[in-house]
Amino acid sequence: MTARTRRDRQELPAAWAGLPIRTCLGCGRKRPRAELVRLVLDAQGQAVVDERQAAHGRGGYLCGPGCLKAALKRQALKRAFRGHWKGVEADRLEAALGRAAERTEMS
């Protein structure tokens, strides 16, 4: 039997029932998919924002630019993309995450 952590027992609001729930790679909080920004790999293995959240292949989710630093520090992107990740241009990705997070908050 495996040890359970506090994160495993996280209570989800009843309003989220039936919604697809995803986990942020940076902070580890669970949220509805529509509230998170999806990242995918481009042809060069760089993480980019998936604006429509519909690109093919593996993806990872972040709450916004604040969680990017935590995800990079924990090497969560490398694990999420199962080693196909070649690196990231942090400044460019942080700016794109900020724009995408603003659009997510508006909708």
C-alpha atoms as a PDB file:
ATOM      1  CA  MET A   1       0.000   0.000   0.000  1.00  0.00           C
ATOM      2  CA  THR A   2       1.332   3.448  -0.837  1.00  0.00           C
ATOM      3  CA  ALA A   3       1.504   6.391   1.508  1.00  0.00           C
ATOM      4  CA  ARG A   4      -1.114   9.037   0.867  1.00  0.00           C
ATOM      5  CA  THR A   5      -0.231  12.689   0.965  1.00  0.00           C
ATOM      6  CA  ARG A   6      -2.314  15.704   1.805  1.00  0.00           C
ATOM      7  CA  ARG A   7      -2.486  16.503  -1.895  1.00  0.00           C
ATOM      8  CA  ASP A   8      -4.170  13.124  -2.586  1.00  0.00           C
ATOM      9  CA  ARG A   9      -6.946  13.963  -0.158  1.00  0.00           C
ATOM     10  CA  GLN A  10      -7.640  17.415  -1.564  1.00  0.00           C
ATOM     11  CA  GLU A  11     -11.361  18.157  -1.336  1.00  0.00           C
ATOM     12  CA  LEU A  12     -12.825  19.472  -4.572  1.00  0.00           C
ATOM     13  CA  PRO A  13     -15.769  21.900  -4.612  1.00  0.00           C
ATOM     14  CA  ALA A  14     -19.144  20.416  -5.504  1.00  0.00           C
ATOM     15  CA  ALA A  15     -19.452  22.987  -8.304  1.00  0.00           C
ATOM     16  CA  TRP A  16     -16.617  21.185 -10.124  1.00  0.00           C
ATOM     17  CA  ALA A  17     -18.516  17.891 -10.295  1.00  0.00           C
ATOM     18  CA  GLY A  18     -18.515  16.595 -13.864  1.00  0.00           C
ATOM     19  CA  LEU A  19     -15.801  18.996 -15.051  1.00  0.00           C
ATOM     20  CA  PRO A  20     -12.433  17.717 -16.293  1.00  0.00           C
ATOM     21  CA  ILE A  21      -9.951  18.346 -13.468  1.00  0.00           C
ATOM     22  CA  ARG A  22      -6.224  18.818 -14.093  1.00  0.00           C
ATOM     23  CA  THR A  23      -3.236  19.385 -11.795  1.00  0.00           C
ATOM     24  CA  CYS A  24      -0.888  22.370 -12.090  1.00  0.00           C
ATOM     25  CA  LEU A  25       2.715  21.282 -12.693  1.00  0.00           C
ATOM     26  CA  GLY A  26       4.024  24.167 -10.585  1.00  0.00           C
ATOM     27  CA  CYS A  27       1.938  24.299  -7.412  1.00  0.00           C
ATOM     28  CA  GLY A  28       0.197  20.922  -7.577  1.00  0.00           C
ATOM     29  CA  ARG A  29      -3.302  22.326  -7.042  1.00  0.00           C
ATOM     30  CA  LYS A  30      -6.190  20.680  -8.852  1.00  0.00           C
ATOM     31  CA  ARG A  31      -8.505  22.921 -10.869  1.00  0.00           C
ATOM     32  CA  PRO A  32     -10.966  22.665 -13.743  1.00  0.00           C
ATOM     33  CA  ARG A  33      -9.163  22.403 -17.089  1.00  0.00           C
ATOM     34  CA  ALA A  34     -10.721  25.677 -18.277  1.00  0.00           C
ATOM     35  CA  GLU A  35      -8.971  27.606 -15.474  1.00  0.00           C
ATOM     36  CA  LEU A  36      -5.480  26.356 -16.381  1.00  0.00           C
ATOM     37  CA  VAL A  37      -3.129  27.082 -19.279  1.00  0.00           C
ATOM     38  CA  ARG A  38      -2.074  24.037 -21.319  1.00  0.00           C
ATOM     39  CA  LEU A  39       1.482  23.578 -22.542  1.00  0.00           C
ATOM     40  CA  VAL A  40       2.542  21.293 -25.385  1.00  0.00           C
ATOM     41  CA  LEU A  41       5.816  20.667 -27.176  1.00  0.00           C
ATOM     42  CA  ASP A  42       6.515  22.190 -30.571  1.00  0.00           C
ATOM     43  CA  ALA A  43       8.530  20.429 -33.286  1.00  0.00           C
ATOM     44  CA  GLN A  44      11.839  21.522 -31.666  1.00  0.00           C
ATOM     45  CA  GLY A  45      10.881  20.130 -28.240  1.00  0.00           C
ATOM     46  CA  GLN A  46      10.212  23.568 -26.725  1.00  0.00           C
ATOM     47  CA  ALA A  47       7.207  24.067 -24.433  1.00  0.00           C
ATOM     48  CA  VAL A  48       4.639  26.444 -25.934  1.00  0.00           C
ATOM     49  CA  VAL A  49       1.164  27.561 -24.861  1.00  0.00           C
ATOM     50  CA  ASP A  50      -1.693  25.623 -26.472  1.00  0.00           C
ATOM     51  CA  GLU A  51      -4.184  28.467 -26.930  1.00  0.00           C
ATOM     52  CA  ARG A  52      -7.147  26.257 -27.885  1.00  0.00           C
ATOM     53  CA  GLN A  53      -6.235  23.441 -25.462  1.00  0.00           C
ATOM     54  CA  ALA A  54      -6.749  21.001 -28.306  1.00  0.00           C
ATOM     55  CA  ALA A  55      -3.296  20.200 -29.742  1.00  0.00           C
ATOM     56  CA  HIS A  56      -2.396  16.546 -30.194  1.00  0.00           C
ATOM     57  CA  GLY A  57       0.034  14.822 -27.896  1.00  0.00           C
ATOM     58  CA  ARG A  58       0.992  15.082 -24.252  1.00  0.00           C
ATOM     59  CA  GLY A  59       0.321  18.294 -22.445  1.00  0.00           C
ATOM     60  CA  GLY A  60       0.942  19.845 -19.079  1.00  0.00           C
ATOM     61  CA  TYR A  61      -1.039  22.488 -17.218  1.00  0.00           C
ATOM     62  CA  LEU A  62      -0.008  25.569 -15.241  1.00  0.00           C
ATOM     63  CA  CYS A  63      -2.044  28.107 -13.254  1.00  0.00           C
ATOM     64  CA  GLY A  64      -0.081  30.963 -14.812  1.00  0.00           C
ATOM     65  CA  PRO A  65       3.351  32.547 -14.996  1.00  0.00           C
ATOM     66  CA  GLY A  66       3.892  32.311 -11.235  1.00  0.00           C
ATOM     67  CA  CYS A  67       3.851  28.514 -11.328  1.00  0.00           C
ATOM     68  CA  LEU A  68       6.339  28.307 -14.223  1.00  0.00           C
ATOM     69  CA  LYS A  69       9.344  28.943 -11.966  1.00  0.00           C
ATOM     70  CA  ALA A  70       8.217  26.244  -9.529  1.00  0.00           C
ATOM     71  CA  ALA A  71       7.655  23.769 -12.375  1.00  0.00           C
ATOM     72  CA  LEU A  72      11.125  24.473 -13.790  1.00  0.00           C
ATOM     73  CA  LYS A  73      12.751  24.156 -10.380  1.00  0.00           C
ATOM     74  CA  ARG A  74      11.042  20.807  -9.722  1.00  0.00           C
ATOM     75  CA  GLN A  75      11.773  19.607 -13.288  1.00  0.00           C
ATOM     76  CA  ALA A  76       8.054  18.928 -13.636  1.00  0.00           C
ATOM     77  CA  LEU A  77       8.010  19.803 -17.345  1.00  0.00           C
ATOM     78  CA  LYS A  78      10.666  17.202 -18.067  1.00  0.00           C
ATOM     79  CA  ARG A  79       8.604  14.544 -16.277  1.00  0.00           C
ATOM     80  CA  ALA A  80       5.294  15.671 -17.798  1.00  0.00           C
ATOM     81  CA  PHE A  81       6.654  15.404 -21.324  1.00  0.00           C
ATOM     82  CA  ARG A  82       8.424  12.122 -20.531  1.00  0.00           C
ATOM     83  CA  GLY A  83      11.901  13.251 -21.496  1.00  0.00           C
ATOM     84  CA  HIS A  84      11.009  14.713 -24.921  1.00  0.00           C
ATOM     85  CA  TRP A  85      11.360  18.220 -23.533  1.00  0.00           C
ATOM     86  CA  LYS A  86      14.501  19.962 -24.850  1.00  0.00           C
ATOM     87  CA  GLY A  87      14.326  23.103 -22.703  1.00  0.00           C
ATOM     88  CA  VAL A  88      12.455  26.335 -22.537  1.00  0.00           C
ATOM     89  CA  GLU A  89      12.911  29.996 -23.314  1.00  0.00           C
ATOM     90  CA  ALA A  90      11.606  31.045 -19.898  1.00  0.00           C
ATOM     91  CA  ASP A  91      11.043  34.750 -20.665  1.00  0.00           C
ATOM     92  CA  ARG A  92       9.086  34.045 -23.853  1.00  0.00           C
ATOM     93  CA  LEU A  93       7.025  31.315 -22.233  1.00  0.00           C
ATOM     94  CA  GLU A  94       6.344  33.435 -19.134  1.00  0.00           C
ATOM     95  CA  ALA A  95       4.997  36.260 -21.318  1.00  0.00           C
ATOM     96  CA  ALA A  96       2.806  33.838 -23.282  1.00  0.00           C
ATOM     97  CA  LEU A  97       1.519  32.303 -20.042  1.00  0.00           C
ATOM     98  CA  GLY A  98       0.618  35.755 -18.729  1.00  0.00           C
ATOM     99  CA  ARG A  99      -1.384  36.572 -21.856  1.00  0.00           C
ATOM    100  CA  ALA A 100      -3.118  33.181 -21.822  1.00  0.00           C
ATOM    101  CA  ALA A 101      -3.919  33.419 -18.098  1.00  0.00           C
ATOM    102  CA  GLU A 102      -5.506  36.844 -18.648  1.00  0.00           C
ATOM    103  CA  ARG A 103      -7.724  35.428 -21.407  1.00  0.00           C
ATOM    104  CA  THR A 104      -8.676  32.486 -19.173  1.00  0.00           C
ATOM    105  CA  GLU A 105      -9.707  34.853 -16.357  1.00  0.00           C
ATOM    106  CA  MET A 106     -11.831  36.941 -18.729  1.00  0.00           C
ATOM    107  CA  SER A 107     -13.891  33.996 -19.995  1.00  0.00           C
END
